[in-house]
N, C-alpha and C. Protein backbone atom coordinates (compact mmCIF):
# COMPACT_ATOMS: atom_id res chain seq x y z
N MET A 1 71.61 131.86 -156.30
CA MET A 1 72.14 131.83 -156.73
C MET A 1 73.43 132.82 -156.52
N GLY A 2 74.63 132.51 -156.56
CA GLY A 2 76.25 133.02 -156.45
C GLY A 2 77.11 132.47 -156.89
N GLN A 3 78.04 133.36 -157.03
CA GLN A 3 79.25 132.80 -158.36
C GLN A 3 80.30 133.85 -157.37
N VAL A 4 81.56 132.64 -157.48
CA VAL A 4 82.48 133.03 -156.69
C VAL A 4 83.77 132.98 -157.86
N PRO A 5 85.01 134.25 -157.93
CA PRO A 5 85.50 134.15 -158.95
C PRO A 5 86.61 133.35 -159.07
N ASN A 6 86.97 132.74 -157.56
CA ASN A 6 87.99 131.67 -157.77
C ASN A 6 87.76 130.47 -156.61
N ALA A 7 87.17 129.58 -157.53
CA ALA A 7 86.89 128.43 -156.47
C ALA A 7 87.79 128.07 -155.62
N ARG A 8 88.63 127.83 -156.14
CA ARG A 8 89.74 127.67 -155.00
C ARG A 8 90.08 128.14 -153.57
N VAL A 9 90.19 129.64 -153.93
CA VAL A 9 90.43 130.58 -153.40
C VAL A 9 89.06 130.93 -152.49
N ALA A 10 88.09 130.75 -152.60
CA ALA A 10 86.85 131.53 -151.78
C ALA A 10 86.28 130.07 -151.47
N LEU A 11 86.61 128.66 -151.41
CA LEU A 11 86.15 127.72 -150.93
C LEU A 11 87.48 126.47 -150.72
N PRO A 12 88.27 127.01 -149.72
CA PRO A 12 89.18 126.20 -149.73
C PRO A 12 88.77 124.96 -148.79
N ASP A 13 87.92 125.20 -148.10
CA ASP A 13 87.87 123.94 -147.14
C ASP A 13 86.53 122.93 -147.50
N VAL A 14 86.26 123.08 -148.97
CA VAL A 14 84.90 122.27 -149.33
C VAL A 14 85.67 120.69 -149.99
N THR A 15 84.86 120.06 -150.31
CA THR A 15 85.38 118.63 -150.83
C THR A 15 84.88 118.72 -151.97
N TRP A 16 85.09 118.64 -153.48
CA TRP A 16 84.99 118.64 -154.57
C TRP A 16 84.59 117.41 -154.46
N ARG A 17 83.63 116.68 -156.01
CA ARG A 17 83.45 115.42 -156.45
C ARG A 17 82.85 115.54 -157.29
N LYS A 18 83.18 114.64 -158.23
CA LYS A 18 82.79 114.64 -159.73
C LYS A 18 81.95 112.74 -159.97
N SER A 19 81.19 112.71 -160.62
CA SER A 19 80.47 111.31 -160.83
C SER A 19 81.58 110.43 -161.22
N ALA A 20 81.33 109.13 -160.98
CA ALA A 20 82.03 108.14 -161.05
C ALA A 20 81.77 107.77 -162.60
N ARG A 21 81.06 108.55 -163.35
CA ARG A 21 80.74 108.11 -164.79
C ARG A 21 81.71 108.87 -165.45
N SER A 22 82.34 110.38 -164.95
CA SER A 22 83.03 111.16 -166.12
C SER A 22 84.11 110.22 -166.16
N GLY A 23 84.39 110.89 -167.74
CA GLY A 23 85.16 110.25 -168.79
C GLY A 23 86.85 110.57 -168.49
N LYS A 24 87.59 109.98 -168.82
CA LYS A 24 89.02 110.23 -168.20
C LYS A 24 89.51 111.59 -169.33
N GLN A 25 88.79 112.24 -170.24
CA GLN A 25 89.19 113.22 -171.02
C GLN A 25 89.41 114.45 -169.60
N GLY A 26 88.31 114.22 -168.60
CA GLY A 26 88.72 115.31 -167.57
C GLY A 26 87.30 116.47 -167.60
N ASN A 27 86.63 116.27 -168.38
CA ASN A 27 85.60 117.19 -168.74
C ASN A 27 84.40 117.11 -168.18
N CYS A 28 84.78 117.50 -166.96
CA CYS A 28 83.50 116.92 -165.99
C CYS A 28 83.73 118.33 -165.13
N VAL A 29 82.29 118.31 -164.52
CA VAL A 29 81.39 119.00 -163.35
C VAL A 29 81.68 118.68 -162.11
N GLU A 30 81.76 118.96 -161.34
CA GLU A 30 82.54 118.92 -159.89
C GLU A 30 81.30 119.90 -158.94
N LEU A 31 80.94 119.31 -157.71
CA LEU A 31 79.95 119.62 -156.49
C LEU A 31 80.84 119.45 -155.63
N ALA A 32 80.39 120.36 -154.79
CA ALA A 32 80.35 120.68 -153.12
C ALA A 32 79.79 121.18 -152.68
N PRO A 33 79.27 120.62 -151.12
CA PRO A 33 78.52 121.02 -150.35
C PRO A 33 79.15 121.60 -149.76
N VAL A 34 78.54 123.31 -149.45
CA VAL A 34 78.87 124.45 -148.58
C VAL A 34 78.20 124.89 -148.30
N PRO A 35 78.85 124.60 -146.43
CA PRO A 35 77.77 124.82 -145.24
C PRO A 35 77.21 126.39 -145.52
N ALA A 36 75.77 126.44 -144.98
CA ALA A 36 75.16 127.42 -144.71
C ALA A 36 74.70 127.94 -145.92
N GLN A 37 75.65 127.82 -147.18
CA GLN A 37 75.30 128.09 -148.47
C GLN A 37 74.41 127.50 -149.36
N GLY A 38 74.71 126.28 -149.32
CA GLY A 38 74.09 124.92 -150.54
C GLY A 38 75.18 124.37 -150.81
N VAL A 39 75.55 124.34 -152.41
CA VAL A 39 76.11 123.57 -153.55
C VAL A 39 76.72 124.03 -154.40
N ALA A 40 78.28 123.80 -154.62
CA ALA A 40 79.14 124.95 -155.76
C ALA A 40 78.99 123.87 -156.51
N VAL A 41 79.10 124.49 -157.80
CA VAL A 41 79.52 123.77 -158.93
C VAL A 41 80.53 124.27 -159.74
N ARG A 42 81.85 123.69 -160.46
CA ARG A 42 82.46 124.17 -160.79
C ARG A 42 82.94 123.11 -162.07
N ASN A 43 84.20 123.84 -162.95
CA ASN A 43 84.62 122.99 -163.70
C ASN A 43 85.92 122.46 -163.53
N SER A 44 86.17 120.90 -163.89
CA SER A 44 87.32 119.94 -163.18
C SER A 44 88.59 120.46 -163.46
N ARG A 45 88.40 121.15 -165.01
CA ARG A 45 89.48 121.13 -165.49
C ARG A 45 90.03 122.37 -165.21
N PHE A 46 89.57 123.51 -164.88
CA PHE A 46 89.86 125.04 -163.91
C PHE A 46 89.24 125.10 -162.60
N PRO A 47 89.91 124.30 -161.73
CA PRO A 47 89.74 124.77 -160.46
C PRO A 47 89.68 126.35 -159.88
N GLU A 48 90.80 126.45 -160.39
CA GLU A 48 91.10 128.33 -160.13
C GLU A 48 89.90 129.10 -160.57
N GLY A 49 89.37 128.40 -161.25
CA GLY A 49 87.90 129.19 -161.98
C GLY A 49 86.50 129.70 -160.87
N PRO A 50 86.00 130.19 -161.32
CA PRO A 50 84.86 130.46 -160.77
C PRO A 50 84.09 129.60 -160.75
N ALA A 51 82.82 129.54 -159.58
CA ALA A 51 81.85 128.80 -159.44
C ALA A 51 80.93 129.00 -158.99
N LEU A 52 79.48 128.69 -159.62
CA LEU A 52 78.68 129.23 -159.33
C LEU A 52 77.89 128.00 -157.72
N VAL A 53 77.37 129.28 -156.68
CA VAL A 53 76.83 128.15 -155.44
C VAL A 53 75.21 129.01 -155.74
N PHE A 54 74.69 127.55 -155.61
CA PHE A 54 73.39 127.41 -155.38
C PHE A 54 72.63 126.72 -154.04
N SER A 55 71.58 127.67 -153.64
CA SER A 55 70.91 127.06 -152.61
C SER A 55 70.84 125.48 -152.81
N VAL A 56 69.88 124.98 -151.72
CA VAL A 56 69.65 123.39 -151.40
C VAL A 56 68.38 123.87 -152.12
N ALA A 57 67.53 124.43 -152.61
CA ALA A 57 66.30 124.78 -153.33
C ALA A 57 66.93 124.91 -154.41
N GLU A 58 67.54 125.66 -155.04
CA GLU A 58 67.82 125.87 -156.07
C GLU A 58 68.21 124.37 -157.01
N LEU A 59 69.00 123.50 -156.37
CA LEU A 59 69.83 122.74 -157.00
C LEU A 59 68.85 121.37 -157.07
N SER A 60 67.74 121.27 -156.25
CA SER A 60 66.55 120.45 -155.95
C SER A 60 65.65 120.62 -157.19
N SER A 61 65.43 121.85 -157.00
CA SER A 61 64.06 122.26 -158.39
C SER A 61 64.80 121.68 -159.69
N PHE A 62 66.11 122.23 -159.71
CA PHE A 62 66.71 121.62 -161.19
C PHE A 62 67.00 120.18 -161.33
N LEU A 63 67.84 119.48 -160.44
CA LEU A 63 67.47 118.14 -160.24
C LEU A 63 66.61 117.79 -161.01
N ALA A 64 65.05 118.22 -160.13
CA ALA A 64 64.07 117.46 -160.44
C ALA A 64 63.55 117.73 -161.69
N ASP A 65 64.11 118.70 -162.56
CA ASP A 65 63.49 119.02 -163.96
C ASP A 65 64.21 117.88 -164.69
N ILE A 66 65.43 118.02 -164.00
CA ILE A 66 66.29 117.26 -165.39
C ILE A 66 65.16 115.92 -165.26
N LYS A 67 65.23 115.13 -163.90
CA LYS A 67 64.39 113.86 -163.85
C LYS A 67 63.35 114.10 -164.61
N ARG A 68 62.66 114.78 -164.81
CA ARG A 68 61.18 115.08 -165.72
C ARG A 68 61.43 115.11 -166.93
N GLY A 69 62.34 115.66 -167.17
CA GLY A 69 63.21 115.75 -168.94
C GLY A 69 63.19 117.14 -169.60
N ALA A 70 63.03 118.09 -168.80
CA ALA A 70 62.14 119.32 -169.20
C ALA A 70 63.55 119.74 -169.70
N TYR A 71 65.00 119.37 -170.16
CA TYR A 71 65.97 119.99 -171.07
C TYR A 71 66.37 119.24 -172.23
N ASP A 72 65.16 118.21 -172.09
CA ASP A 72 65.53 116.92 -172.57
C ASP A 72 65.96 117.50 -174.41
N ASP A 73 65.35 118.60 -174.86
CA ASP A 73 65.03 119.01 -176.17
C ASP A 73 66.37 119.63 -176.25
N LEU A 74 67.31 119.84 -175.69
CA LEU A 74 68.60 120.92 -175.71
C LEU A 74 69.55 120.05 -176.08
N LEU A 75 68.79 118.36 -176.28
CA LEU A 75 70.06 117.37 -176.80
C LEU A 75 69.92 117.45 -178.08
N GLY A 76 68.50 117.60 -178.45
CA GLY A 76 68.71 117.78 -179.97
C GLY A 76 68.78 116.25 -180.53
N ASP A 77 69.28 116.02 -181.35
CA ASP A 77 69.96 114.43 -182.29
C ASP A 77 70.98 113.57 -181.20
N ALA A 78 71.29 114.53 -180.43
CA ALA A 78 72.52 113.82 -179.31
C ALA A 78 72.39 112.60 -178.62
N ARG A 79 71.10 112.38 -178.20
CA ARG A 79 70.61 111.23 -177.89
C ARG A 79 70.65 109.91 -178.46
N SER A 80 70.31 109.98 -179.85
CA SER A 80 70.54 109.26 -180.94
C SER A 80 71.71 108.60 -181.55
N SER A 81 72.63 109.69 -181.07
CA SER A 81 74.24 109.09 -181.22
C SER A 81 74.97 108.21 -180.34
N SER A 82 74.63 108.02 -178.88
CA SER A 82 75.28 108.19 -177.84
C SER A 82 74.93 105.98 -177.58
């Protein structure tokens, strides 16, 4: 994983996208494919802020962990209130 200090400047030619399920509040995470590097992730509310750049292998592993419930314990009681 790498980090760029200003996503808008460091990654000017990528196309950012966020989930169609994102709420109108704007509290969203955006992702963008970065050729020859992987996938960048940034806060949609702060496009000039930093972005993390994950290799395809790193992001694939993370998503697989999410799908199998590896981080469900972090939600605590939040699951029952949604």
